[in-house]
Amino acid sequence: MKPLYHPAVEDVTVEGILYALSNPVRVQILKEIMRSNSPKSCSDFLSLPDRVIPKSTLSQHFKILREAGLIRSERKGVSMRNTPRCQELRPRFGRLIGEILAAYAEEYSAVAGADSPES
């Protein structure tokens, strides 16, 4: 089986991070992986709160996150276990990843608030 590519911290680029986090589904996946106290399986994300994701699409999202350096994926039998690499990246990129995730959360809450009947 072909080994998975994980870039070294010095090979991770701002462009790669921004591209990986330009998709709201990948942002949601990364946030859930970061929140978890244990590795998350790819299959944990087949159904997100607002959508069902086909396996092939989900596989592509994980590949993009992994190749951007945001997650580490390890094969365990037939499943893939994923952990965040944000702590490894912090010395190089500071709070960039956290700030992007916070901006998404703020934007989402503003949109959700505008759509609510009380607005």
PDB file of N, CA and C in Angstrom:
ATOM      1  N   MET A   1       0.841  -1.182   0.000  1.00  0.00           N
ATOM      2  CA  MET A   1       0.000   0.000   0.000  1.00  0.00           C
ATOM      3  C   MET A   1       0.883   1.241   0.000  1.00  0.00           C
ATOM      4  N   LYS A   2       0.519   2.192  -0.822  1.00  0.00           N
ATOM      5  CA  LYS A   2       1.282   3.428  -0.972  1.00  0.00           C
ATOM      6  C   LYS A   2       1.265   4.224   0.337  1.00  0.00           C
ATOM      7  N   PRO A   3       2.450   4.700   0.799  1.00  0.00           N
ATOM      8  CA  PRO A   3       2.459   5.501   2.032  1.00  0.00           C
ATOM      9  C   PRO A   3       1.764   6.841   1.821  1.00  0.00           C
ATOM     10  N   LEU A   4       1.189   7.354   2.884  1.00  0.00           N
ATOM     11  CA  LEU A   4       0.499   8.645   2.830  1.00  0.00           C
ATOM     12  C   LEU A   4       1.520   9.783   2.892  1.00  0.00           C
ATOM     13  N   TYR A   5       1.257  10.834   2.138  1.00  0.00           N
ATOM     14  CA  TYR A   5       2.139  11.996   2.126  1.00  0.00           C
ATOM     15  C   TYR A   5       1.735  12.965   3.231  1.00  0.00           C
ATOM     16  N   HIS A   6       2.705  13.306   4.074  1.00  0.00           N
ATOM     17  CA  HIS A   6       2.540  14.336   5.101  1.00  0.00           C
ATOM     18  C   HIS A   6       3.725  15.290   4.954  1.00  0.00           C
ATOM     19  N   PRO A   7       3.488  16.535   4.567  1.00  0.00           N
ATOM     20  CA  PRO A   7       4.622  17.444   4.392  1.00  0.00           C
ATOM     21  C   PRO A   7       5.297  17.758   5.725  1.00  0.00           C
ATOM     22  N   ALA A   8       6.604  17.978   5.662  1.00  0.00           N
ATOM     23  CA  ALA A   8       7.329  18.458   6.835  1.00  0.00           C
ATOM     24  C   ALA A   8       6.819  19.866   7.144  1.00  0.00           C
ATOM     25  N   VAL A   9       6.917  20.266   8.394  1.00  0.00           N
ATOM     26  CA  VAL A   9       6.415  21.587   8.800  1.00  0.00           C
ATOM     27  C   VAL A   9       7.021  22.684   7.931  1.00  0.00           C
ATOM     28  N   GLU A  10       8.303  22.578   7.628  1.00  0.00           N
ATOM     29  CA  GLU A  10       8.947  23.625   6.820  1.00  0.00           C
ATOM     30  C   GLU A  10       8.466  23.638   5.370  1.00  0.00           C
ATOM     31  N   ASP A  11       7.801  22.575   4.942  1.00  0.00           N
ATOM     32  CA  ASP A  11       7.265  22.525   3.577  1.00  0.00           C
ATOM     33  C   ASP A  11       5.799  22.960   3.483  1.00  0.00           C
ATOM     34  N   VAL A  12       5.157  23.175   4.620  1.00  0.00           N
ATOM     35  CA  VAL A  12       3.763  23.629   4.636  1.00  0.00           C
ATOM     36  C   VAL A  12       3.748  25.106   4.238  1.00  0.00           C
ATOM     37  N   THR A  13       2.807  25.470   3.368  1.00  0.00           N
ATOM     38  CA  THR A  13       2.745  26.857   2.889  1.00  0.00           C
ATOM     39  C   THR A  13       1.433  27.527   3.296  1.00  0.00           C
ATOM     40  N   VAL A  14       1.475  28.835   3.392  1.00  0.00           N
ATOM     41  CA  VAL A  14       0.257  29.608   3.657  1.00  0.00           C
ATOM     42  C   VAL A  14      -0.744  29.361   2.534  1.00  0.00           C
ATOM     43  N   GLU A  15      -0.268  29.332   1.307  1.00  0.00           N
ATOM     44  CA  GLU A  15      -1.147  29.081   0.162  1.00  0.00           C
ATOM     45  C   GLU A  15      -1.871  27.739   0.306  1.00  0.00           C
ATOM     46  N   GLY A  16      -1.148  26.700   0.726  1.00  0.00           N
ATOM     47  CA  GLY A  16      -1.756  25.385   0.912  1.00  0.00           C
ATOM     48  C   GLY A  16      -2.803  25.391   2.014  1.00  0.00           C
ATOM     49  N   ILE A  17      -2.497  26.074   3.118  1.00  0.00           N
ATOM     50  CA  ILE A  17      -3.445  26.174   4.232  1.00  0.00           C
ATOM     51  C   ILE A  17      -4.698  26.921   3.787  1.00  0.00           C
ATOM     52  N   LEU A  18      -4.509  28.055   3.114  1.00  0.00           N
ATOM     53  CA  LEU A  18      -5.663  28.841   2.666  1.00  0.00           C
ATOM     54  C   LEU A  18      -6.518  28.063   1.670  1.00  0.00           C
ATOM     55  N   TYR A  19      -5.871  27.335   0.765  1.00  0.00           N
ATOM     56  CA  TYR A  19      -6.641  26.526  -0.190  1.00  0.00           C
ATOM     57  C   TYR A  19      -7.435  25.446   0.550  1.00  0.00           C
ATOM     58  N   ALA A  20      -6.777  24.732   1.463  1.00  0.00           N
ATOM     59  CA  ALA A  20      -7.456  23.658   2.194  1.00  0.00           C
ATOM     60  C   ALA A  20      -8.643  24.195   2.985  1.00  0.00           C
ATOM     61  N   LEU A  21      -8.495  25.383   3.538  1.00  0.00           N
ATOM     62  CA  LEU A  21      -9.561  25.948   4.371  1.00  0.00           C
ATOM     63  C   LEU A  21     -10.494  26.867   3.582  1.00  0.00           C
ATOM     64  N   SER A  22     -10.409  26.828   2.265  1.00  0.00           N
ATOM     65  CA  SER A  22     -11.322  27.635   1.449  1.00  0.00           C
ATOM     66  C   SER A  22     -12.655  26.932   1.237  1.00  0.00           C
ATOM     67  N   ASN A  23     -12.764  25.701   1.695  1.00  0.00           N
ATOM     68  CA  ASN A  23     -13.990  24.927   1.539  1.00  0.00           C
ATOM     69  C   ASN A  23     -14.643  24.740   2.905  1.00  0.00           C
ATOM     70  N   PRO A  24     -15.892  25.148   3.088  1.00  0.00           N
ATOM     71  CA  PRO A  24     -16.552  25.043   4.393  1.00  0.00           C
ATOM     72  C   PRO A  24     -16.636  23.611   4.932  1.00  0.00           C
ATOM     73  N   VAL A  25     -16.728  22.623   4.058  1.00  0.00           N
ATOM     74  CA  VAL A  25     -16.774  21.229   4.530  1.00  0.00           C
ATOM     75  C   VAL A  25     -15.439  20.857   5.162  1.00  0.00           C
ATOM     76  N   ARG A  26     -14.338  21.245   4.527  1.00  0.00           N
ATOM     77  CA  ARG A  26     -13.021  20.937   5.099  1.00  0.00           C
ATOM     78  C   ARG A  26     -12.805  21.690   6.406  1.00  0.00           C
ATOM     79  N   VAL A  27     -13.312  22.904   6.495  1.00  0.00           N
ATOM     80  CA  VAL A  27     -13.221  23.659   7.751  1.00  0.00           C
ATOM     81  C   VAL A  27     -13.966  22.905   8.845  1.00  0.00           C
ATOM     82  N   GLN A  28     -15.161  22.439   8.530  1.00  0.00           N
ATOM     83  CA  GLN A  28     -15.967  21.699   9.499  1.00  0.00           C
ATOM     84  C   GLN A  28     -15.253  20.414   9.927  1.00  0.00           C
ATOM     85  N   ILE A  29     -14.658  19.705   8.980  1.00  0.00           N
ATOM     86  CA  ILE A  29     -13.918  18.478   9.295  1.00  0.00           C
ATOM     87  C   ILE A  29     -12.749  18.795  10.221  1.00  0.00           C
ATOM     88  N   LEU A  30     -11.952  19.808   9.880  1.00  0.00           N
ATOM     89  CA  LEU A  30     -10.797  20.159  10.706  1.00  0.00           C
ATOM     90  C   LEU A  30     -11.227  20.561  12.111  1.00  0.00           C
ATOM     91  N   LYS A  31     -12.287  21.360  12.225  1.00  0.00           N
ATOM     92  CA  LYS A  31     -12.761  21.774  13.553  1.00  0.00           C
ATOM     93  C   LYS A  31     -13.142  20.568  14.403  1.00  0.00           C
ATOM     94  N   GLU A  32     -13.824  19.596  13.806  1.00  0.00           N
ATOM     95  CA  GLU A  32     -14.228  18.395  14.551  1.00  0.00           C
ATOM     96  C   GLU A  32     -13.013  17.569  14.966  1.00  0.00           C
ATOM     97  N   ILE A  33     -12.036  17.452  14.086  1.00  0.00           N
ATOM     98  CA  ILE A  33     -10.818  16.711  14.429  1.00  0.00           C
ATOM     99  C   ILE A  33     -10.088  17.420  15.568  1.00  0.00           C
ATOM    100  N   MET A  34     -10.024  18.746  15.526  1.00  0.00           N
ATOM    101  CA  MET A  34      -9.348  19.511  16.576  1.00  0.00           C
ATOM    102  C   MET A  34     -10.072  19.405  17.914  1.00  0.00           C
ATOM    103  N   ARG A  35     -11.408  19.336  17.882  1.00  0.00           N
ATOM    104  CA  ARG A  35     -12.203  19.238  19.111  1.00  0.00           C
ATOM    105  C   ARG A  35     -12.074  17.885  19.801  1.00  0.00           C
ATOM    106  N   SER A  36     -11.781  16.866  19.031  1.00  0.00           N
ATOM    107  CA  SER A  36     -11.779  15.504  19.547  1.00  0.00           C
ATOM    108  C   SER A  36     -10.546  15.234  20.412  1.00  0.00           C
ATOM    109  N   ASN A  37     -10.747  14.443  21.458  1.00  0.00           N
ATOM    110  CA  ASN A  37      -9.635  14.049  22.322  1.00  0.00           C
ATOM    111  C   ASN A  37      -8.934  12.800  21.812  1.00  0.00           C
ATOM    112  N   SER A  38      -9.441  12.225  20.743  1.00  0.00           N
ATOM    113  CA  SER A  38      -8.844  11.020  20.167  1.00  0.00           C
ATOM    114  C   SER A  38      -8.912  11.118  18.647  1.00  0.00           C
ATOM    115  N   PRO A  39      -8.110  10.313  17.946  1.00  0.00           N
ATOM    116  CA  PRO A  39      -8.148  10.366  16.473  1.00  0.00           C
ATOM    117  C   PRO A  39      -9.553  10.112  15.943  1.00  0.00           C
ATOM    118  N   LYS A  40      -9.895  10.805  14.878  1.00  0.00           N
ATOM    119  CA  LYS A  40     -11.214  10.650  14.248  1.00  0.00           C
ATOM    120  C   LYS A  40     -11.067   9.840  12.967  1.00  0.00           C
ATOM    121  N   SER A  41     -11.982   8.915  12.777  1.00  0.00           N
ATOM    122  CA  SER A  41     -12.012   8.104  11.571  1.00  0.00           C
ATOM    123  C   SER A  41     -12.667   8.893  10.441  1.00  0.00           C
ATOM    124  N   CYS A  42     -12.245   8.636   9.219  1.00  0.00           N
ATOM    125  CA  CYS A  42     -12.866   9.296   8.060  1.00  0.00           C
ATOM    126  C   CYS A  42     -14.366   9.019   8.025  1.00  0.00           C
ATOM    127  N   SER A  43     -14.746   7.805   8.397  1.00  0.00           N
ATOM    128  CA  SER A  43     -16.168   7.436   8.344  1.00  0.00           C
ATOM    129  C   SER A  43     -17.015   8.228   9.336  1.00  0.00           C
ATOM    130  N   ASP A  44     -16.390   8.850  10.332  1.00  0.00           N
ATOM    131  CA  ASP A  44     -17.131   9.696  11.276  1.00  0.00           C
ATOM    132  C   ASP A  44     -17.752  10.905  10.576  1.00  0.00           C
ATOM    133  N   PHE A  45     -17.279  11.218   9.372  1.00  0.00           N
ATOM    134  CA  PHE A  45     -17.708  12.425   8.675  1.00  0.00           C
ATOM    135  C   PHE A  45     -18.592  12.157   7.468  1.00  0.00           C
ATOM    136  N   LEU A  46     -19.035  10.922   7.294  1.00  0.00           N
ATOM    137  CA  LEU A  46     -19.909  10.620   6.152  1.00  0.00           C
ATOM    138  C   LEU A  46     -21.193  11.427   6.209  1.00  0.00           C
ATOM    139  N   SER A  47     -21.614  11.754   7.429  1.00  0.00           N
ATOM    140  CA  SER A  47     -22.819  12.551   7.600  1.00  0.00           C
ATOM    141  C   SER A  47     -22.506  13.713   8.535  1.00  0.00           C
ATOM    142  N   LEU A  48     -22.486  14.907   7.997  1.00  0.00           N
ATOM    143  CA  LEU A  48     -22.295  16.115   8.798  1.00  0.00           C
ATOM    144  C   LEU A  48     -23.675  16.658   9.152  1.00  0.00           C
ATOM    145  N   PRO A  49     -23.762  17.576  10.119  1.00  0.00           N
ATOM    146  CA  PRO A  49     -25.081  18.071  10.533  1.00  0.00           C
ATOM    147  C   PRO A  49     -25.960  18.581   9.394  1.00  0.00           C
ATOM    148  N   ASP A  50     -25.354  19.170   8.377  1.00  0.00           N
ATOM    149  CA  ASP A  50     -26.169  19.769   7.317  1.00  0.00           C
ATOM    150  C   ASP A  50     -26.079  19.052   5.971  1.00  0.00           C
ATOM    151  N   ARG A  51     -25.402  17.891   5.903  1.00  0.00           N
ATOM    152  CA  ARG A  51     -25.273  17.199   4.612  1.00  0.00           C
ATOM    153  C   ARG A  51     -24.704  15.792   4.771  1.00  0.00           C
ATOM    154  N   VAL A  52     -24.933  14.985   3.761  1.00  0.00           N
ATOM    155  CA  VAL A  52     -24.319  13.663   3.646  1.00  0.00           C
ATOM    156  C   VAL A  52     -23.253  13.777   2.565  1.00  0.00           C
ATOM    157  N   ILE A  53     -22.074  13.231   2.838  1.00  0.00           N
ATOM    158  CA  ILE A  53     -20.960  13.368   1.905  1.00  0.00           C
ATOM    159  C   ILE A  53     -20.599  11.999   1.335  1.00  0.00           C
ATOM    160  N   PRO A  54     -20.557  11.858   0.013  1.00  0.00           N
ATOM    161  CA  PRO A  54     -20.133  10.586  -0.590  1.00  0.00           C
ATOM    162  C   PRO A  54     -18.690  10.249  -0.182  1.00  0.00           C
ATOM    163  N   LYS A  55     -18.386   8.958  -0.058  1.00  0.00           N
ATOM    164  CA  LYS A  55     -17.050   8.530   0.363  1.00  0.00           C
ATOM    165  C   LYS A  55     -15.945   9.093  -0.524  1.00  0.00           C
ATOM    166  N   SER A  56     -16.166   9.109  -1.831  1.00  0.00           N
ATOM    167  CA  SER A  56     -15.121   9.593  -2.742  1.00  0.00           C
ATOM    168  C   SER A  56     -14.835  11.081  -2.515  1.00  0.00           C
ATOM    169  N   THR A  57     -15.864  11.855  -2.264  1.00  0.00           N
ATOM    170  CA  THR A  57     -15.703  13.290  -1.992  1.00  0.00           C
ATOM    171  C   THR A  57     -15.001  13.491  -0.660  1.00  0.00           C
ATOM    172  N   LEU A  58     -15.406  12.723   0.336  1.00  0.00           N
ATOM    173  CA  LEU A  58     -14.800  12.815   1.658  1.00  0.00           C
ATOM    174  C   LEU A  58     -13.314  12.461   1.588  1.00  0.00           C
ATOM    175  N   SER A  59     -12.995  11.432   0.834  1.00  0.00           N
ATOM    176  CA  SER A  59     -11.603  11.021   0.659  1.00  0.00           C
ATOM    177  C   SER A  59     -10.774  12.160   0.072  1.00  0.00           C
ATOM    178  N   GLN A  60     -11.325  12.866  -0.880  1.00  0.00           N
ATOM    179  CA  GLN A  60     -10.625  13.998  -1.496  1.00  0.00           C
ATOM    180  C   GLN A  60     -10.426  15.131  -0.485  1.00  0.00           C
ATOM    181  N   HIS A  61     -11.434  15.408   0.334  1.00  0.00           N
ATOM    182  CA  HIS A  61     -11.298  16.446   1.365  1.00  0.00           C
ATOM    183  C   HIS A  61     -10.165  16.101   2.334  1.00  0.00           C
ATOM    184  N   PHE A  62     -10.110  14.841   2.778  1.00  0.00           N
ATOM    185  CA  PHE A  62      -9.051  14.434   3.704  1.00  0.00           C
ATOM    186  C   PHE A  62      -7.676  14.518   3.054  1.00  0.00           C
ATOM    187  N   LYS A  63      -7.580  14.156   1.787  1.00  0.00           N
ATOM    188  CA  LYS A  63      -6.307  14.242   1.073  1.00  0.00           C
ATOM    189  C   LYS A  63      -5.828  15.695   1.022  1.00  0.00           C
ATOM    190  N   ILE A  64      -6.726  16.611   0.734  1.00  0.00           N
ATOM    191  CA  ILE A  64      -6.357  18.031   0.661  1.00  0.00           C
ATOM    192  C   ILE A  64      -5.902  18.539   2.024  1.00  0.00           C
ATOM    193  N   LEU A  65      -6.629  18.197   3.085  1.00  0.00           N
ATOM    194  CA  LEU A  65      -6.233  18.611   4.436  1.00  0.00           C
ATOM    195  C   LEU A  65      -4.877  18.014   4.814  1.00  0.00           C
ATOM    196  N   ARG A  66      -4.665  16.741   4.479  1.00  0.00           N
ATOM    197  CA  ARG A  66      -3.410  16.059   4.805  1.00  0.00           C
ATOM    198  C   ARG A  66      -2.242  16.672   4.026  1.00  0.00           C
ATOM    199  N   GLU A  67      -2.422  16.859   2.726  1.00  0.00           N
ATOM    200  CA  GLU A  67      -1.330  17.384   1.906  1.00  0.00           C
ATOM    201  C   GLU A  67      -1.041  18.859   2.177  1.00  0.00           C
ATOM    202  N   ALA A  68      -1.998  19.562   2.778  1.00  0.00           N
ATOM    203  CA  ALA A  68      -1.757  20.945   3.210  1.00  0.00           C
ATOM    204  C   ALA A  68      -1.003  20.969   4.538  1.00  0.00           C
ATOM    205  N   GLY A  69      -0.903  19.806   5.188  1.00  0.00           N
ATOM    206  CA  GLY A  69      -0.189  19.719   6.458  1.00  0.00           C
ATOM    207  C   GLY A  69      -1.056  19.951   7.676  1.00  0.00           C
ATOM    208  N   LEU A  70      -2.370  20.030   7.499  1.00  0.00           N
ATOM    209  CA  LEU A  70      -3.264  20.347   8.615  1.00  0.00           C
ATOM    210  C   LEU A  70      -3.639  19.142   9.464  1.00  0.00           C
ATOM    211  N   ILE A  71      -3.595  17.945   8.888  1.00  0.00           N
ATOM    212  CA  ILE A  71      -3.913  16.736   9.649  1.00  0.00           C
ATOM    213  C   ILE A  71      -2.862  15.665   9.369  1.00  0.00           C
ATOM    214  N   ARG A  72      -2.781  14.711  10.281  1.00  0.00           N
ATOM    215  CA  ARG A  72      -1.960  13.519  10.092  1.00  0.00           C
ATOM    216  C   ARG A  72      -2.921  12.342  10.039  1.00  0.00           C
ATOM    217  N   SER A  73      -2.789  11.519   9.008  1.00  0.00           N
ATOM    218  CA  SER A  73      -3.659  10.359   8.827  1.00  0.00           C
ATOM    219  C   SER A  73      -2.831   9.086   8.954  1.00  0.00           C
ATOM    220  N   GLU A  74      -3.371   8.120   9.696  1.00  0.00           N
ATOM    221  CA  GLU A  74      -2.706   6.827   9.859  1.00  0.00           C
ATOM    222  C   GLU A  74      -3.704   5.728   9.583  1.00  0.00           C
ATOM    223  N   ARG A  75      -3.261   4.736   8.825  1.00  0.00           N
ATOM    224  CA  ARG A  75      -4.123   3.585   8.550  1.00  0.00           C
ATOM    225  C   ARG A  75      -4.134   2.670   9.763  1.00  0.00           C
ATOM    226  N   LYS A  76      -5.315   2.267  10.181  1.00  0.00           N
ATOM    227  CA  LYS A  76      -5.509   1.283  11.253  1.00  0.00           C
ATOM    228  C   LYS A  76      -6.463   0.245  10.705  1.00  0.00           C
ATOM    229  N   GLY A  77      -5.915  -0.841  10.179  1.00  0.00           N
ATOM    230  CA  GLY A  77      -6.764  -1.837   9.533  1.00  0.00           C
ATOM    231  C   GLY A  77      -7.391  -1.238   8.289  1.00  0.00           C
ATOM    232  N   VAL A  78      -8.713  -1.282   8.231  1.00  0.00           N
ATOM    233  CA  VAL A  78      -9.405  -0.720   7.067  1.00  0.00           C
ATOM    234  C   VAL A  78      -9.806   0.740   7.272  1.00  0.00           C
ATOM    235  N   SER A  79      -9.587   1.267   8.460  1.00  0.00           N
ATOM    236  CA  SER A  79      -9.990   2.660   8.695  1.00  0.00           C
ATOM    237  C   SER A  79      -8.775   3.583   8.696  1.00  0.00           C
ATOM    238  N   MET A  80      -9.048   4.856   8.535  1.00  0.00           N
ATOM    239  CA  MET A  80      -8.027   5.895   8.540  1.00  0.00           C
ATOM    240  C   MET A  80      -8.282   6.767   9.764  1.00  0.00           C
ATOM    241  N   ARG A  81      -7.281   6.908  10.627  1.00  0.00           N
ATOM    242  CA  ARG A  81      -7.411   7.704  11.844  1.00  0.00           C
ATOM    243  C   ARG A  81      -6.705   9.037  11.624  1.00  0.00           C
ATOM    244  N   ASN A  82      -7.370  10.131  11.977  1.00  0.00           N
ATOM    245  CA  ASN A  82      -6.876  11.479  11.682  1.00  0.00           C
ATOM    246  C   ASN A  82      -6.715  12.305  12.949  1.00  0.00           C
ATOM    247  N   THR A  83      -5.591  12.997  13.041  1.00  0.00           N
ATOM    248  CA  THR A  83      -5.321  13.891  14.164  1.00  0.00           C
ATOM    249  C   THR A  83      -4.862  15.247  13.610  1.00  0.00           C
ATOM    250  N   PRO A  84      -5.099  16.325  14.365  1.00  0.00           N
ATOM    251  CA  PRO A  84      -4.680  17.649  13.890  1.00  0.00           C
ATOM    252  C   PRO A  84      -3.170  17.846  14.037  1.00  0.00           C
ATOM    253  N   ARG A  85      -2.604  18.676  13.202  1.00  0.00           N
ATOM    254  CA  ARG A  85      -1.180  19.025  13.289  1.00  0.00           C
ATOM    255  C   ARG A  85      -1.001  20.491  13.690  1.00  0.00           C
ATOM    256  N   CYS A  86      -2.049  21.111  14.170  1.00  0.00           N
ATOM    257  CA  CYS A  86      -2.014  22.555  14.456  1.00  0.00           C
ATOM    258  C   CYS A  86      -0.922  22.929  15.454  1.00  0.00           C
ATOM    259  N   GLN A  87      -0.703  22.088  16.475  1.00  0.00           N
ATOM    260  CA  GLN A  87       0.345  22.408  17.459  1.00  0.00           C
ATOM    261  C   GLN A  87       1.727  22.378  16.813  1.00  0.00           C
ATOM    262  N   GLU A  88       1.935  21.434  15.888  1.00  0.00           N
ATOM    263  CA  GLU A  88       3.212  21.371  15.162  1.00  0.00           C
ATOM    264  C   GLU A  88       3.420  22.628  14.314  1.00  0.00           C
ATOM    265  N   LEU A  89       2.328  23.151  13.773  1.00  0.00           N
ATOM    266  CA  LEU A  89       2.407  24.286  12.851  1.00  0.00           C
ATOM    267  C   LEU A  89       2.454  25.638  13.561  1.00  0.00           C
ATOM    268  N   ARG A  90       2.034  25.676  14.824  1.00  0.00           N
ATOM    269  CA  ARG A  90       1.938  26.948  15.548  1.00  0.00           C
ATOM    270  C   ARG A  90       3.249  27.739  15.583  1.00  0.00           C
ATOM    271  N   PRO A  91       4.411  27.105  15.832  1.00  0.00           N
ATOM    272  CA  PRO A  91       5.643  27.914  15.843  1.00  0.00           C
ATOM    273  C   PRO A  91       5.907  28.620  14.508  1.00  0.00           C
ATOM    274  N   ARG A  92       5.475  28.032  13.431  1.00  0.00           N
ATOM    275  CA  ARG A  92       5.727  28.629  12.111  1.00  0.00           C
ATOM    276  C   ARG A  92       4.634  29.602  11.681  1.00  0.00           C
ATOM    277  N   PHE A  93       3.372  29.269  11.975  1.00  0.00           N
ATOM    278  CA  PHE A  93       2.251  30.064  11.456  1.00  0.00           C
ATOM    279  C   PHE A  93       1.474  30.814  12.536  1.00  0.00           C
ATOM    280  N   GLY A  94       1.904  30.708  13.780  1.00  0.00           N
ATOM    281  CA  GLY A  94       1.216  31.411  14.857  1.00  0.00           C
ATOM    282  C   GLY A  94      -0.252  31.029  14.945  1.00  0.00           C
ATOM    283  N   ARG A  95      -1.105  32.014  15.026  1.00  0.00           N
ATOM    284  CA  ARG A  95      -2.542  31.785  15.217  1.00  0.00           C
ATOM    285  C   ARG A  95      -3.323  31.781  13.900  1.00  0.00           C
ATOM    286  N   LEU A  96      -2.643  31.683  12.776  1.00  0.00           N
ATOM    287  CA  LEU A  96      -3.297  31.758  11.469  1.00  0.00           C
ATOM    288  C   LEU A  96      -4.467  30.782  11.350  1.00  0.00           C
ATOM    289  N   ILE A  97      -4.244  29.531  11.670  1.00  0.00           N
ATOM    290  CA  ILE A  97      -5.293  28.518  11.502  1.00  0.00           C
ATOM    291  C   ILE A  97      -6.472  28.818  12.419  1.00  0.00           C
ATOM    292  N   GLY A  98      -6.190  29.127  13.672  1.00  0.00           N
ATOM    293  CA  GLY A  98      -7.256  29.464  14.617  1.00  0.00           C
ATOM    294  C   GLY A  98      -8.043  30.688  14.189  1.00  0.00           C
ATOM    295  N   GLU A  99      -7.350  31.677  13.644  1.00  0.00           N
ATOM    296  CA  GLU A  99      -8.023  32.896  13.184  1.00  0.00           C
ATOM    297  C   GLU A  99      -8.933  32.613  11.990  1.00  0.00           C
ATOM    298  N   ILE A 100      -8.488  31.753  11.081  1.00  0.00           N
ATOM    299  CA  ILE A 100      -9.329  31.393   9.932  1.00  0.00           C
ATOM    300  C   ILE A 100     -10.577  30.664  10.413  1.00  0.00           C
ATOM    301  N   LEU A 101     -10.404  29.719  11.333  1.00  0.00           N
ATOM    302  CA  LEU A 101     -11.554  28.971  11.856  1.00  0.00           C
ATOM    303  C   LEU A 101     -12.512  29.897  12.601  1.00  0.00           C
ATOM    304  N   ALA A 102     -11.965  30.849  13.357  1.00  0.00           N
ATOM    305  CA  ALA A 102     -12.811  31.806  14.079  1.00  0.00           C
ATOM    306  C   ALA A 102     -13.579  32.696  13.102  1.00  0.00           C
ATOM    307  N   ALA A 103     -12.935  33.101  12.015  1.00  0.00           N
ATOM    308  CA  ALA A 103     -13.612  33.932  11.009  1.00  0.00           C
ATOM    309  C   ALA A 103     -14.764  33.170  10.367  1.00  0.00           C
ATOM    310  N   TYR A 104     -14.558  31.887  10.081  1.00  0.00           N
ATOM    311  CA  TYR A 104     -15.647  31.067   9.538  1.00  0.00           C
ATOM    312  C   TYR A 104     -16.802  30.992  10.531  1.00  0.00           C
ATOM    313  N   ALA A 105     -16.478  30.764  11.807  1.00  0.00           N
ATOM    314  CA  ALA A 105     -17.523  30.651  12.827  1.00  0.00           C
ATOM    315  C   ALA A 105     -18.311  31.954  12.932  1.00  0.00           C
ATOM    316  N   GLU A 106     -17.607  33.086  12.899  1.00  0.00           N
ATOM    317  CA  GLU A 106     -18.267  34.392  12.983  1.00  0.00           C
ATOM    318  C   GLU A 106     -19.151  34.632  11.760  1.00  0.00           C
ATOM    319  N   GLU A 107     -18.630  34.314  10.596  1.00  0.00           N
ATOM    320  CA  GLU A 107     -19.401  34.494   9.362  1.00  0.00           C
ATOM    321  C   GLU A 107     -20.638  33.598   9.356  1.00  0.00           C
ATOM    322  N   TYR A 108     -20.476  32.360   9.777  1.00  0.00           N
ATOM    323  CA  TYR A 108     -21.594  31.420   9.798  1.00  0.00           C
ATOM    324  C   TYR A 108     -22.668  31.884  10.780  1.00  0.00           C
ATOM    325  N   SER A 109     -22.242  32.359  11.960  1.00  0.00           N
ATOM    326  CA  SER A 109     -23.240  32.795  12.941  1.00  0.00           C
ATOM    327  C   SER A 109     -23.958  34.055  12.458  1.00  0.00           C
ATOM    328  N   ALA A 110     -23.265  34.926  11.730  1.00  0.00           N
ATOM    329  CA  ALA A 110     -23.910  36.130  11.186  1.00  0.00           C
ATOM    330  C   ALA A 110     -24.935  35.749  10.124  1.00  0.00           C
ATOM    331  N   VAL A 111     -24.596  34.788   9.269  1.00  0.00           N
ATOM    332  CA  VAL A 111     -25.524  34.331   8.228  1.00  0.00           C
ATOM    333  C   VAL A 111     -26.712  33.628   8.867  1.00  0.00           C
ATOM    334  N   ALA A 112     -26.451  32.770   9.855  1.00  0.00           N
ATOM    335  CA  ALA A 112     -27.534  32.052  10.532  1.00  0.00           C
ATOM    336  C   ALA A 112     -28.460  33.031  11.247  1.00  0.00           C
ATOM    337  N   GLY A 113     -27.888  34.082  11.845  1.00  0.00           N
ATOM    338  CA  GLY A 113     -28.702  35.085  12.523  1.00  0.00           C
ATOM    339  C   GLY A 113     -29.557  35.880  11.560  1.00  0.00           C
ATOM    340  N   ALA A 114     -29.024  36.166  10.378  1.00  0.00           N
ATOM    341  CA  ALA A 114     -29.780  36.914   9.368  1.00  0.00           C
ATOM    342  C   ALA A 114     -30.927  36.088   8.802  1.00  0.00           C
ATOM    343  N   ASP A 115     -30.778  34.767   8.815  1.00  0.00           N
ATOM    344  CA  ASP A 115     -31.817  33.885   8.284  1.00  0.00           C
ATOM    345  C   ASP A 115     -32.904  33.548   9.300  1.00  0.00           C
ATOM    346  N   SER A 116     -32.668  33.884  10.565  1.00  0.00           N
ATOM    347  CA  SER A 116     -33.648  33.501  11.587  1.00  0.00           C
ATOM    348  C   SER A 116     -34.871  34.418  11.530  1.00  0.00           C
ATOM    349  N   PRO A 117     -36.044  33.905  11.908  1.00  0.00           N
ATOM    350  CA  PRO A 117     -37.275  34.696  11.835  1.00  0.00           C
ATOM    351  C   PRO A 117     -37.269  35.910  12.760  1.00  0.00           C
ATOM    352  N   GLU A 118     -36.477  35.876  13.840  1.00  0.00           N
ATOM    353  CA  GLU A 118     -36.465  36.999  14.781  1.00  0.00           C
ATOM    354  C   GLU A 118     -35.692  38.187  14.242  1.00  0.00           C
ATOM    355  N   SER A 119     -34.880  37.997  13.197  1.00  0.00           N
ATOM    356  CA  SER A 119     -34.041  39.088  12.672  1.00  0.00           C
ATOM    357  C   SER A 119     -34.856  40.112  11.930  1.00  0.00           C
TER     358      SER A 119
END
